[in-house]
């Protein structure tokens, strides 16, 4: 018989119904009992390694989980145990984040380079097709990949993002000029030596404040497991400092609409109402309509919550994802 905490969890899953979605969710057993601990793995790249956590059976349905900017794969630690047990989930630290290697000097970070890492992962695992579970910046990578390699992607689940933030032509020169200046500064700082170590509590406080309340202390401590590195005298952040500069990338809206029309994967976008809106609502709608050109199932769901709701309140997100993963191709 379920104990009191299990009953509360089941009640929340049954009664917290996001806008625009029915209440007929499939509640998996994994929502109650945590699965075995994930396995830490490394995937070798030409420039270093991509570190990752592997969840679920080796022969399960393959799914790549990609985190957001300055986070790491720990962002999915509370959500993955609530997802179907037959998934083989590879939750990665994208280049320069978490425990993954940093890009070499003079090689800047952008969304397109991450496509190479994803393609190398396909080769490493010998997958023919997989799905994506992505948050924020990770959604930019997954949506680009789904448009470039439509035959390789079955489903895409985007959390609080719909695509890469499009390049604004009118201010492109200003943005790139600032980015070049910041990159040169951060490169000089890296050459000068490591950051000044700080206490663990100070690191947690800085991370929480940097998200404007999106992360609470408990969630932040989960990210700190891969996001901090211990040195003599304290801790430093493990991410590449160059990531603090905006990417040197050109991703116009028109190009992304073309790729969206070529996307054949089923797509679910879960928008957290109190999270950031990177574009106007009409731009979101335009992109969703473009996805419906070739995709048979495109869903857009809004729920209450901030940018990291999938980590702080996974029980509100998991039922929507499970419904999308386990049922047919009816567009909502």
C-alpha atoms as a PDB file:
ATOM      1  CA  UNK A   1       0.000   0.000   0.000  1.00  0.00           C
ATOM      2  CA  UNK A   2       1.289   3.436  -0.899  1.00  0.00           C
ATOM      3  CA  UNK A   3       2.477   5.551   1.984  1.00  0.00           C
ATOM      4  CA  UNK A   4       1.389   9.139   2.576  1.00  0.00           C
ATOM      5  CA  UNK A   5       4.144  10.729   0.463  1.00  0.00           C
ATOM      6  CA  UNK A   6       3.386   8.419  -2.463  1.00  0.00           C
ATOM      7  CA  UNK A   7      -0.294   9.306  -2.256  1.00  0.00           C
ATOM      8  CA  UNK A   8       0.560  12.995  -2.320  1.00  0.00           C
ATOM      9  CA  UNK A   9       2.708  12.498  -5.419  1.00  0.00           C
ATOM     10  CA  UNK A  10      -0.031  10.577  -7.208  1.00  0.00           C
ATOM     11  CA  UNK A  11      -2.565  13.262  -6.258  1.00  0.00           C
ATOM     12  CA  UNK A  12      -0.356  15.978  -7.736  1.00  0.00           C
ATOM     13  CA  UNK A  13       0.166  14.003 -10.953  1.00  0.00           C
ATOM     14  CA  UNK A  14      -3.571  13.459 -11.365  1.00  0.00           C
ATOM     15  CA  UNK A  15      -4.726  16.966 -10.471  1.00  0.00           C
ATOM     16  CA  UNK A  16      -2.093  19.448 -11.657  1.00  0.00           C
ATOM     17  CA  UNK A  17      -3.282  19.645 -15.269  1.00  0.00           C
ATOM     18  CA  UNK A  18      -1.461  22.089 -17.568  1.00  0.00           C
ATOM     19  CA  UNK A  19      -3.399  24.330 -19.911  1.00  0.00           C
ATOM     20  CA  UNK A  20      -4.399  22.792 -23.217  1.00  0.00           C
ATOM     21  CA  UNK A  21      -3.825  19.176 -22.134  1.00  0.00           C
ATOM     22  CA  UNK A  22      -6.235  16.472 -21.000  1.00  0.00           C
ATOM     23  CA  UNK A  23      -5.917  14.698 -17.680  1.00  0.00           C
ATOM     24  CA  UNK A  24      -5.447  11.211 -19.153  1.00  0.00           C
ATOM     25  CA  UNK A  25      -1.799  10.769 -18.162  1.00  0.00           C
ATOM     26  CA  UNK A  26      -0.023   7.462 -17.776  1.00  0.00           C
ATOM     27  CA  UNK A  27       1.588   7.436 -14.312  1.00  0.00           C
ATOM     28  CA  UNK A  28       4.699   5.198 -14.451  1.00  0.00           C
ATOM     29  CA  UNK A  29       5.892   3.146 -11.498  1.00  0.00           C
ATOM     30  CA  UNK A  30       9.222   4.963 -11.726  1.00  0.00           C
ATOM     31  CA  UNK A  31       7.439   8.015 -10.366  1.00  0.00           C
ATOM     32  CA  UNK A  32       7.414   6.247  -6.998  1.00  0.00           C
ATOM     33  CA  UNK A  33      10.512   4.042  -6.930  1.00  0.00           C
ATOM     34  CA  UNK A  34      13.854   5.472  -8.019  1.00  0.00           C
ATOM     35  CA  UNK A  35      15.746   3.327 -10.555  1.00  0.00           C
ATOM     36  CA  UNK A  36      19.347   2.194 -10.022  1.00  0.00           C
ATOM     37  CA  UNK A  37      21.933   4.932 -10.030  1.00  0.00           C
ATOM     38  CA  UNK A  38      23.068   6.059 -13.488  1.00  0.00           C
ATOM     39  CA  UNK A  39      26.431   5.038 -14.910  1.00  0.00           C
ATOM     40  CA  UNK A  40      29.063   7.695 -15.554  1.00  0.00           C
ATOM     41  CA  UNK A  41      30.452   7.356 -19.074  1.00  0.00           C
ATOM     42  CA  UNK A  42      32.808   9.258 -21.369  1.00  0.00           C
ATOM     43  CA  UNK A  43      32.566   9.636 -25.140  1.00  0.00           C
ATOM     44  CA  UNK A  44      35.821  10.493 -26.844  1.00  0.00           C
ATOM     45  CA  UNK A  45      35.925  13.399 -29.282  1.00  0.00           C
ATOM     46  CA  UNK A  46      38.802  14.695 -31.412  1.00  0.00           C
ATOM     47  CA  UNK A  47      39.366  17.558 -28.934  1.00  0.00           C
ATOM     48  CA  UNK A  48      38.735  15.700 -25.670  1.00  0.00           C
ATOM     49  CA  UNK A  49      35.761  13.981 -24.090  1.00  0.00           C
ATOM     50  CA  UNK A  50      32.038  14.434 -23.545  1.00  0.00           C
ATOM     51  CA  UNK A  51      31.073  13.271 -20.069  1.00  0.00           C
ATOM     52  CA  UNK A  52      27.608  11.834 -19.546  1.00  0.00           C
ATOM     53  CA  UNK A  53      25.286   9.825 -17.335  1.00  0.00           C
ATOM     54  CA  UNK A  54      23.706   6.705 -18.827  1.00  0.00           C
ATOM     55  CA  UNK A  55      20.274   5.794 -17.452  1.00  0.00           C
ATOM     56  CA  UNK A  56      18.130   2.731 -18.153  1.00  0.00           C
ATOM     57  CA  UNK A  57      18.641  -0.544 -20.039  1.00  0.00           C
ATOM     58  CA  UNK A  58      21.353  -0.684 -22.694  1.00  0.00           C
ATOM     59  CA  UNK A  59      18.828  -1.978 -25.236  1.00  0.00           C
ATOM     60  CA  UNK A  60      16.191   0.623 -24.333  1.00  0.00           C
ATOM     61  CA  UNK A  61      14.732   3.318 -26.578  1.00  0.00           C
ATOM     62  CA  UNK A  62      17.642   5.751 -27.130  1.00  0.00           C
ATOM     63  CA  UNK A  63      17.230   9.334 -25.942  1.00  0.00           C
ATOM     64  CA  UNK A  64      19.816  12.096 -25.630  1.00  0.00           C
ATOM     65  CA  UNK A  65      19.237  14.645 -22.850  1.00  0.00           C
ATOM     66  CA  UNK A  66      20.933  18.031 -23.344  1.00  0.00           C
ATOM     67  CA  UNK A  67      21.009  20.698 -20.637  1.00  0.00           C
ATOM     68  CA  UNK A  68      20.948  24.481 -20.856  1.00  0.00           C
ATOM     69  CA  UNK A  69      23.562  27.240 -20.790  1.00  0.00           C
ATOM     70  CA  UNK A  70      26.048  27.005 -17.863  1.00  0.00           C
ATOM     71  CA  UNK A  71      24.183  24.005 -16.390  1.00  0.00           C
ATOM     72  CA  UNK A  72      25.146  20.333 -16.722  1.00  0.00           C
ATOM     73  CA  UNK A  73      23.436  16.966 -17.102  1.00  0.00           C
ATOM     74  CA  UNK A  74      22.499  17.015 -13.410  1.00  0.00           C
ATOM     75  CA  UNK A  75      19.601  19.225 -14.471  1.00  0.00           C
ATOM     76  CA  UNK A  76      17.709  16.026 -15.356  1.00  0.00           C
ATOM     77  CA  UNK A  77      18.524  14.067 -12.170  1.00  0.00           C
ATOM     78  CA  UNK A  78      15.103  14.548 -10.575  1.00  0.00           C
ATOM     79  CA  UNK A  79      13.101  14.213 -13.812  1.00  0.00           C
ATOM     80  CA  UNK A  80      14.591  11.080 -15.382  1.00  0.00           C
ATOM     81  CA  UNK A  81      13.489   8.744 -12.538  1.00  0.00           C
ATOM     82  CA  UNK A  82       9.876   9.721 -13.348  1.00  0.00           C
ATOM     83  CA  UNK A  83      10.140   8.796 -17.037  1.00  0.00           C
ATOM     84  CA  UNK A  84       9.403   5.390 -18.651  1.00  0.00           C
ATOM     85  CA  UNK A  85      11.759   2.612 -17.594  1.00  0.00           C
ATOM     86  CA  UNK A  86      12.359   1.352 -21.132  1.00  0.00           C
ATOM     87  CA  UNK A  87      14.356   4.437 -22.143  1.00  0.00           C
ATOM     88  CA  UNK A  88      18.121   4.375 -22.590  1.00  0.00           C
ATOM     89  CA  UNK A  89      18.909   7.985 -21.685  1.00  0.00           C
ATOM     90  CA  UNK A  90      22.329   9.493 -22.300  1.00  0.00           C
ATOM     91  CA  UNK A  91      22.357  12.785 -20.397  1.00  0.00           C
ATOM     92  CA  UNK A  92      25.413  14.721 -21.535  1.00  0.00           C
ATOM     93  CA  UNK A  93      27.534  17.568 -20.292  1.00  0.00           C
ATOM     94  CA  UNK A  94      27.859  19.555 -23.498  1.00  0.00           C
ATOM     95  CA  UNK A  95      31.360  20.786 -24.431  1.00  0.00           C
ATOM     96  CA  UNK A  96      32.798  23.194 -21.900  1.00  0.00           C
ATOM     97  CA  UNK A  97      30.217  22.302 -19.230  1.00  0.00           C
ATOM     98  CA  UNK A  98      30.202  19.980 -16.242  1.00  0.00           C
ATOM     99  CA  UNK A  99      32.834  17.246 -16.515  1.00  0.00           C
ATOM    100  CA  UNK A 100      33.252  17.491 -20.298  1.00  0.00           C
ATOM    101  CA  UNK A 101      36.445  18.810 -21.863  1.00  0.00           C
ATOM    102  CA  UNK A 102      36.735  22.451 -22.810  1.00  0.00           C
ATOM    103  CA  UNK A 103      37.274  23.431 -26.420  1.00  0.00           C
ATOM    104  CA  UNK A 104      40.905  24.203 -27.289  1.00  0.00           C
ATOM    105  CA  UNK A 105      42.085  27.836 -27.210  1.00  0.00           C
ATOM    106  CA  UNK A 106      40.879  29.983 -30.129  1.00  0.00           C
ATOM    107  CA  UNK A 107      37.937  27.620 -30.769  1.00  0.00           C
ATOM    108  CA  UNK A 108      34.771  29.439 -29.712  1.00  0.00           C
ATOM    109  CA  UNK A 109      31.503  27.807 -28.655  1.00  0.00           C
ATOM    110  CA  UNK A 110      28.361  27.861 -30.788  1.00  0.00           C
ATOM    111  CA  UNK A 111      25.299  25.736 -31.458  1.00  0.00           C
ATOM    112  CA  UNK A 112      26.554  24.361 -34.780  1.00  0.00           C
ATOM    113  CA  UNK A 113      29.716  22.871 -33.266  1.00  0.00           C
ATOM    114  CA  UNK A 114      27.545  20.943 -30.807  1.00  0.00           C
ATOM    115  CA  UNK A 115      25.907  19.231 -33.793  1.00  0.00           C
ATOM    116  CA  UNK A 116      29.260  17.541 -34.443  1.00  0.00           C
ATOM    117  CA  UNK A 117      29.335  16.187 -30.895  1.00  0.00           C
ATOM    118  CA  UNK A 118      25.803  14.799 -31.287  1.00  0.00           C
ATOM    119  CA  UNK A 119      26.683  13.154 -34.601  1.00  0.00           C
ATOM    120  CA  UNK A 120      29.770  11.563 -33.062  1.00  0.00           C
ATOM    121  CA  UNK A 121      27.537  10.205 -30.297  1.00  0.00           C
ATOM    122  CA  UNK A 122      25.348   8.533 -32.929  1.00  0.00           C
ATOM    123  CA  UNK A 123      28.444   6.875 -34.355  1.00  0.00           C
ATOM    124  CA  UNK A 124      29.705   5.888 -30.907  1.00  0.00           C
ATOM    125  CA  UNK A 125      26.458   4.153 -29.895  1.00  0.00           C
ATOM    126  CA  UNK A 126      25.706   2.931 -33.435  1.00  0.00           C
ATOM    127  CA  UNK A 127      22.205   4.368 -33.293  1.00  0.00           C
ATOM    128  CA  UNK A 128      20.078   4.743 -36.380  1.00  0.00           C
ATOM    129  CA  UNK A 129      17.476   6.909 -34.649  1.00  0.00           C
ATOM    130  CA  UNK A 130      16.918   8.508 -31.254  1.00  0.00           C
ATOM    131  CA  UNK A 131      14.849  11.089 -29.391  1.00  0.00           C
ATOM    132  CA  UNK A 132      15.869  14.251 -27.538  1.00  0.00           C
ATOM    133  CA  UNK A 133      14.973  15.668 -24.135  1.00  0.00           C
ATOM    134  CA  UNK A 134      16.373  19.189 -24.023  1.00  0.00           C
ATOM    135  CA  UNK A 135      16.279  22.294 -21.865  1.00  0.00           C
ATOM    136  CA  UNK A 136      16.956  25.887 -22.893  1.00  0.00           C
ATOM    137  CA  UNK A 137      20.216  26.043 -24.902  1.00  0.00           C
ATOM    138  CA  UNK A 138      20.007  22.279 -25.437  1.00  0.00           C
ATOM    139  CA  UNK A 139      16.798  22.883 -27.361  1.00  0.00           C
ATOM    140  CA  UNK A 140      18.661  25.037 -29.870  1.00  0.00           C
ATOM    141  CA  UNK A 141      20.989  22.132 -30.648  1.00  0.00           C
ATOM    142  CA  UNK A 142      18.238  19.516 -30.837  1.00  0.00           C
ATOM    143  CA  UNK A 143      15.948  21.546 -33.096  1.00  0.00           C
ATOM    144  CA  UNK A 144      18.813  22.295 -35.485  1.00  0.00           C
ATOM    145  CA  UNK A 145      19.798  18.615 -35.525  1.00  0.00           C
ATOM    146  CA  UNK A 146      16.214  17.500 -36.154  1.00  0.00           C
ATOM    147  CA  UNK A 147      16.023  19.769 -39.193  1.00  0.00           C
ATOM    148  CA  UNK A 148      19.431  18.795 -40.590  1.00  0.00           C
ATOM    149  CA  UNK A 149      19.052  15.046 -39.927  1.00  0.00           C
ATOM    150  CA  UNK A 150      15.265  14.469 -39.962  1.00  0.00           C
ATOM    151  CA  UNK A 151      15.541  10.713 -40.595  1.00  0.00           C
ATOM    152  CA  UNK A 152      17.547  10.229 -37.396  1.00  0.00           C
ATOM    153  CA  UNK A 153      15.194  11.875 -34.909  1.00  0.00           C
ATOM    154  CA  UNK A 154      12.002  10.283 -33.585  1.00  0.00           C
ATOM    155  CA  UNK A 155      10.843  12.769 -30.943  1.00  0.00           C
ATOM    156  CA  UNK A 156      12.023  16.101 -29.535  1.00  0.00           C
ATOM    157  CA  UNK A 157      10.940  17.346 -26.106  1.00  0.00           C
ATOM    158  CA  UNK A 158      11.874  21.002 -25.572  1.00  0.00           C
ATOM    159  CA  UNK A 159      11.683  22.488 -22.089  1.00  0.00           C
ATOM    160  CA  UNK A 160      11.200  26.280 -21.945  1.00  0.00           C
ATOM    161  CA  UNK A 161      12.548  26.942 -25.438  1.00  0.00           C
ATOM    162  CA  UNK A 162      11.406  26.430 -28.999  1.00  0.00           C
ATOM    163  CA  UNK A 163      14.574  27.118 -31.013  1.00  0.00           C
ATOM    164  CA  UNK A 164      17.844  29.048 -30.976  1.00  0.00           C
ATOM    165  CA  UNK A 165      17.261  32.735 -30.370  1.00  0.00           C
ATOM    166  CA  UNK A 166      17.366  34.214 -33.880  1.00  0.00           C
ATOM    167  CA  UNK A 167      20.047  36.657 -34.937  1.00  0.00           C
ATOM    168  CA  UNK A 168      18.800  40.261 -34.946  1.00  0.00           C
ATOM    169  CA  UNK A 169      20.316  41.782 -38.069  1.00  0.00           C
ATOM    170  CA  UNK A 170      20.026  45.404 -36.921  1.00  0.00           C
ATOM    171  CA  UNK A 171      22.211  44.851 -33.847  1.00  0.00           C
ATOM    172  CA  UNK A 172      24.398  42.018 -35.108  1.00  0.00           C
ATOM    173  CA  UNK A 173      27.517  44.185 -35.374  1.00  0.00           C
ATOM    174  CA  UNK A 174      27.176  45.418 -31.788  1.00  0.00           C
ATOM    175  CA  UNK A 175      26.636  41.905 -30.405  1.00  0.00           C
ATOM    176  CA  UNK A 176      29.592  40.401 -32.258  1.00  0.00           C
ATOM    177  CA  UNK A 177      31.860  43.306 -31.314  1.00  0.00           C
ATOM    178  CA  UNK A 178      31.031  42.835 -27.637  1.00  0.00           C
ATOM    179  CA  UNK A 179      31.480  39.074 -27.907  1.00  0.00           C
ATOM    180  CA  UNK A 180      34.927  39.365 -29.468  1.00  0.00           C
ATOM    181  CA  UNK A 181      36.005  41.728 -26.695  1.00  0.00           C
ATOM    182  CA  UNK A 182      34.678  39.433 -23.967  1.00  0.00           C
ATOM    183  CA  UNK A 183      36.272  36.324 -25.492  1.00  0.00           C
ATOM    184  CA  UNK A 184      39.675  37.994 -25.609  1.00  0.00           C
ATOM    185  CA  UNK A 185      39.292  39.043 -21.975  1.00  0.00           C
ATOM    186  CA  UNK A 186      38.266  35.563 -20.806  1.00  0.00           C
ATOM    187  CA  UNK A 187      41.080  33.948 -22.801  1.00  0.00           C
ATOM    188  CA  UNK A 188      43.588  36.258 -21.101  1.00  0.00           C
ATOM    189  CA  UNK A 189      42.093  35.420 -17.683  1.00  0.00           C
ATOM    190  CA  UNK A 190      42.384  31.678 -18.387  1.00  0.00           C
ATOM    191  CA  UNK A 191      46.030  32.044 -19.449  1.00  0.00           C
ATOM    192  CA  UNK A 192      46.711  34.012 -16.253  1.00  0.00           C
ATOM    193  CA  UNK A 193      45.559  31.093 -14.121  1.00  0.00           C
ATOM    194  CA  UNK A 194      42.521  29.538 -12.411  1.00  0.00           C
ATOM    195  CA  UNK A 195      39.779  31.556 -10.818  1.00  0.00           C
ATOM    196  CA  UNK A 196      40.084  32.545  -7.180  1.00  0.00           C
ATOM    197  CA  UNK A 197      38.624  29.658  -5.139  1.00  0.00           C
ATOM    198  CA  UNK A 198      35.531  30.364  -3.076  1.00  0.00           C
ATOM    199  CA  UNK A 199      33.703  28.384  -0.418  1.00  0.00           C
ATOM    200  CA  UNK A 200      31.101  25.798  -1.383  1.00  0.00           C
ATOM    201  CA  UNK A 201      28.321  27.821   0.224  1.00  0.00           C
ATOM    202  CA  UNK A 202      29.405  30.952  -1.656  1.00  0.00           C
ATOM    203  CA  UNK A 203      29.339  29.009  -4.931  1.00  0.00           C
ATOM    204  CA  UNK A 204      25.810  27.776  -4.235  1.00  0.00           C
ATOM    205  CA  UNK A 205      24.665  31.264  -3.324  1.00  0.00           C
ATOM    206  CA  UNK A 206      26.205  32.743  -6.474  1.00  0.00           C
ATOM    207  CA  UNK A 207      24.586  30.084  -8.674  1.00  0.00           C
ATOM    208  CA  UNK A 208      21.148  30.558  -7.108  1.00  0.00           C
ATOM    209  CA  UNK A 209      21.293  34.348  -7.401  1.00  0.00           C
ATOM    210  CA  UNK A 210      22.474  34.105 -10.999  1.00  0.00           C
ATOM    211  CA  UNK A 211      19.236  32.380 -12.008  1.00  0.00           C
ATOM    212  CA  UNK A 212      17.001  35.065 -10.424  1.00  0.00           C
ATOM    213  CA  UNK A 213      15.172  32.502  -8.318  1.00  0.00           C
ATOM    214  CA  UNK A 214      14.782  29.835 -11.006  1.00  0.00           C
ATOM    215  CA  UNK A 215      16.973  27.480  -8.968  1.00  0.00           C
ATOM    216  CA  UNK A 216      16.500  26.838  -5.282  1.00  0.00           C
ATOM    217  CA  UNK A 217      19.351  25.750  -3.017  1.00  0.00           C
ATOM    218  CA  UNK A 218      18.491  22.044  -3.216  1.00  0.00           C
ATOM    219  CA  UNK A 219      18.445  22.057  -7.030  1.00  0.00           C
ATOM    220  CA  UNK A 220      21.639  24.051  -7.144  1.00  0.00           C
ATOM    221  CA  UNK A 221      23.451  21.524  -4.991  1.00  0.00           C
ATOM    222  CA  UNK A 222      22.537  18.854  -7.548  1.00  0.00           C
ATOM    223  CA  UNK A 223      24.136  20.909 -10.331  1.00  0.00           C
ATOM    224  CA  UNK A 224      27.164  21.586  -8.139  1.00  0.00           C
ATOM    225  CA  UNK A 225      28.060  17.886  -8.138  1.00  0.00           C
ATOM    226  CA  UNK A 226      29.360  18.334 -11.695  1.00  0.00           C
ATOM    227  CA  UNK A 227      29.517  22.097 -11.836  1.00  0.00           C
ATOM    228  CA  UNK A 228      32.215  22.710  -9.219  1.00  0.00           C
ATOM    229  CA  UNK A 229      35.841  21.652  -9.052  1.00  0.00           C
ATOM    230  CA  UNK A 230      37.711  21.461  -5.744  1.00  0.00           C
ATOM    231  CA  UNK A 231      41.046  23.239  -5.470  1.00  0.00           C
ATOM    232  CA  UNK A 232      43.294  24.105  -2.564  1.00  0.00           C
ATOM    233  CA  UNK A 233      41.435  26.771  -0.637  1.00  0.00           C
ATOM    234  CA  UNK A 234      37.951  26.139  -1.997  1.00  0.00           C
ATOM    235  CA  UNK A 235      36.014  25.591  -5.212  1.00  0.00           C
ATOM    236  CA  UNK A 236      35.866  26.991  -8.742  1.00  0.00           C
ATOM    237  CA  UNK A 237      33.217  26.491 -11.398  1.00  0.00           C
ATOM    238  CA  UNK A 238      34.059  23.690 -13.818  1.00  0.00           C
ATOM    239  CA  UNK A 239      32.557  25.360 -16.906  1.00  0.00           C
ATOM    240  CA  UNK A 240      34.749  27.134 -19.430  1.00  0.00           C
ATOM    241  CA  UNK A 241      34.816  30.843 -18.600  1.00  0.00           C
ATOM    242  CA  UNK A 242      34.540  31.664 -22.305  1.00  0.00           C
ATOM    243  CA  UNK A 243      30.928  30.478 -22.172  1.00  0.00           C
ATOM    244  CA  UNK A 244      30.065  33.719 -20.381  1.00  0.00           C
ATOM    245  CA  UNK A 245      30.367  35.472 -23.742  1.00  0.00           C
ATOM    246  CA  UNK A 246      27.555  35.285 -26.293  1.00  0.00           C
ATOM    247  CA  UNK A 247      28.233  32.749 -29.083  1.00  0.00           C
ATOM    248  CA  UNK A 248      29.844  33.867 -32.319  1.00  0.00           C
ATOM    249  CA  UNK A 249      27.025  32.401 -34.384  1.00  0.00           C
ATOM    250  CA  UNK A 250      24.590  33.498 -37.087  1.00  0.00           C
ATOM    251  CA  UNK A 251      21.190  31.813 -36.846  1.00  0.00           C
ATOM    252  CA  UNK A 252      18.557  33.907 -38.647  1.00  0.00           C
ATOM    253  CA  UNK A 253      14.891  33.195 -38.080  1.00  0.00           C
ATOM    254  CA  UNK A 254      14.325  32.430 -41.764  1.00  0.00           C
ATOM    255  CA  UNK A 255      16.950  29.667 -41.761  1.00  0.00           C
ATOM    256  CA  UNK A 256      15.393  28.045 -38.690  1.00  0.00           C
ATOM    257  CA  UNK A 257      11.934  28.147 -40.262  1.00  0.00           C
ATOM    258  CA  UNK A 258      13.287  26.274 -43.274  1.00  0.00           C
ATOM    259  CA  UNK A 259      14.774  23.595 -41.005  1.00  0.00           C
ATOM    260  CA  UNK A 260      11.532  23.435 -38.986  1.00  0.00           C
ATOM    261  CA  UNK A 261       9.585  22.653 -42.167  1.00  0.00           C
ATOM    262  CA  UNK A 262      11.978  19.772 -42.861  1.00  0.00           C
ATOM    263  CA  UNK A 263      11.616  18.320 -39.352  1.00  0.00           C
ATOM    264  CA  UNK A 264       9.653  15.052 -39.361  1.00  0.00           C
ATOM    265  CA  UNK A 265      10.092  14.188 -35.657  1.00  0.00           C
ATOM    266  CA  UNK A 266       7.218  14.496 -33.200  1.00  0.00           C
ATOM    267  CA  UNK A 267       7.755  17.679 -31.189  1.00  0.00           C
ATOM    268  CA  UNK A 268       6.616  18.639 -27.686  1.00  0.00           C
ATOM    269  CA  UNK A 269       7.328  22.122 -26.352  1.00  0.00           C
ATOM    270  CA  UNK A 270       6.652  22.698 -22.640  1.00  0.00           C
ATOM    271  CA  UNK A 271       6.765  26.409 -21.814  1.00  0.00           C
ATOM    272  CA  UNK A 272       7.207  27.427 -18.185  1.00  0.00           C
ATOM    273  CA  UNK A 273       5.010  30.494 -17.787  1.00  0.00           C
ATOM    274  CA  UNK A 274       7.358  32.343 -15.427  1.00  0.00           C
ATOM    275  CA  UNK A 275      10.438  31.440 -17.458  1.00  0.00           C
ATOM    276  CA  UNK A 276      12.146  33.731 -19.972  1.00  0.00           C
ATOM    277  CA  UNK A 277      10.482  34.577 -23.271  1.00  0.00           C
ATOM    278  CA  UNK A 278      13.248  34.897 -25.835  1.00  0.00           C
ATOM    279  CA  UNK A 279      10.825  35.922 -28.589  1.00  0.00           C
ATOM    280  CA  UNK A 280       7.347  37.375 -29.067  1.00  0.00           C
ATOM    281  CA  UNK A 281       4.361  34.964 -28.897  1.00  0.00           C
ATOM    282  CA  UNK A 282       3.655  35.392 -32.614  1.00  0.00           C
ATOM    283  CA  UNK A 283       7.192  34.208 -33.391  1.00  0.00           C
ATOM    284  CA  UNK A 284       6.624  31.092 -31.279  1.00  0.00           C
ATOM    285  CA  UNK A 285       3.370  30.433 -33.134  1.00  0.00           C
ATOM    286  CA  UNK A 286       5.033  30.912 -36.527  1.00  0.00           C
ATOM    287  CA  UNK A 287       7.689  28.356 -35.663  1.00  0.00           C
ATOM    288  CA  UNK A 288       5.144  25.830 -34.371  1.00  0.00           C
ATOM    289  CA  UNK A 289       3.210  26.135 -37.630  1.00  0.00           C
ATOM    290  CA  UNK A 290       6.417  25.584 -39.596  1.00  0.00           C
ATOM    291  CA  UNK A 291       7.048  22.388 -37.623  1.00  0.00           C
ATOM    292  CA  UNK A 292       3.581  21.118 -38.563  1.00  0.00           C
ATOM    293  CA  UNK A 293       4.597  21.137 -42.244  1.00  0.00           C
ATOM    294  CA  UNK A 294       6.240  17.699 -42.026  1.00  0.00           C
ATOM    295  CA  UNK A 295       5.710  16.579 -38.435  1.00  0.00           C
ATOM    296  CA  UNK A 296       2.587  14.567 -37.639  1.00  0.00           C
ATOM    297  CA  UNK A 297       2.574  15.490 -33.955  1.00  0.00           C
ATOM    298  CA  UNK A 298       3.367  18.966 -32.633  1.00  0.00           C
ATOM    299  CA  UNK A 299       2.295  19.912 -29.120  1.00  0.00           C
ATOM    300  CA  UNK A 300       2.702  23.159 -27.208  1.00  0.00           C
ATOM    301  CA  UNK A 301       1.863  23.103 -23.492  1.00  0.00           C
ATOM    302  CA  UNK A 302       2.154  25.870 -20.901  1.00  0.00           C
ATOM    303  CA  UNK A 303       2.505  25.132 -17.186  1.00  0.00           C
ATOM    304  CA  UNK A 304       3.208  27.204 -14.108  1.00  0.00           C
ATOM    305  CA  UNK A 305       6.829  27.462 -13.131  1.00  0.00           C
ATOM    306  CA  UNK A 306      10.206  29.105 -13.633  1.00  0.00           C
ATOM    307  CA  UNK A 307      13.026  28.234 -16.021  1.00  0.00           C
ATOM    308  CA  UNK A 308      14.241  25.182 -14.054  1.00  0.00           C
ATOM    309  CA  UNK A 309      10.839  23.739 -13.122  1.00  0.00           C
ATOM    310  CA  UNK A 310      11.847  20.361 -14.583  1.00  0.00           C
ATOM    311  CA  UNK A 311      14.528  20.164 -11.866  1.00  0.00           C
ATOM    312  CA  UNK A 312      12.745  21.817  -8.937  1.00  0.00           C
ATOM    313  CA  UNK A 313       9.248  20.361  -9.564  1.00  0.00           C
ATOM    314  CA  UNK A 314       9.685  17.397 -11.941  1.00  0.00           C
ATOM    315  CA  UNK A 315       6.356  15.863 -10.928  1.00  0.00           C
ATOM    316  CA  UNK A 316       4.542  18.633 -12.845  1.00  0.00           C
ATOM    317  CA  UNK A 317       6.533  17.965 -16.025  1.00  0.00           C
ATOM    318  CA  UNK A 318       6.962  14.167 -16.169  1.00  0.00           C
ATOM    319  CA  UNK A 319       3.308  13.226 -16.843  1.00  0.00           C
ATOM    320  CA  UNK A 320       3.198  15.485 -19.911  1.00  0.00           C
ATOM    321  CA  UNK A 321       6.399  13.969 -21.268  1.00  0.00           C
ATOM    322  CA  UNK A 322       5.264  10.417 -20.585  1.00  0.00           C
ATOM    323  CA  UNK A 323       1.970  11.026 -22.353  1.00  0.00           C
ATOM    324  CA  UNK A 324       3.906  12.318 -25.366  1.00  0.00           C
ATOM    325  CA  UNK A 325       6.417   9.433 -25.358  1.00  0.00           C
ATOM    326  CA  UNK A 326       3.885   6.654 -24.932  1.00  0.00           C
ATOM    327  CA  UNK A 327       0.998   7.661 -27.133  1.00  0.00           C
ATOM    328  CA  UNK A 328       0.323   8.160 -30.846  1.00  0.00           C
ATOM    329  CA  UNK A 329       0.810  10.992 -33.284  1.00  0.00           C
ATOM    330  CA  UNK A 330      -2.284  13.094 -32.660  1.00  0.00           C
ATOM    331  CA  UNK A 331      -1.450  16.793 -32.802  1.00  0.00           C
ATOM    332  CA  UNK A 332      -2.700  18.874 -29.878  1.00  0.00           C
END
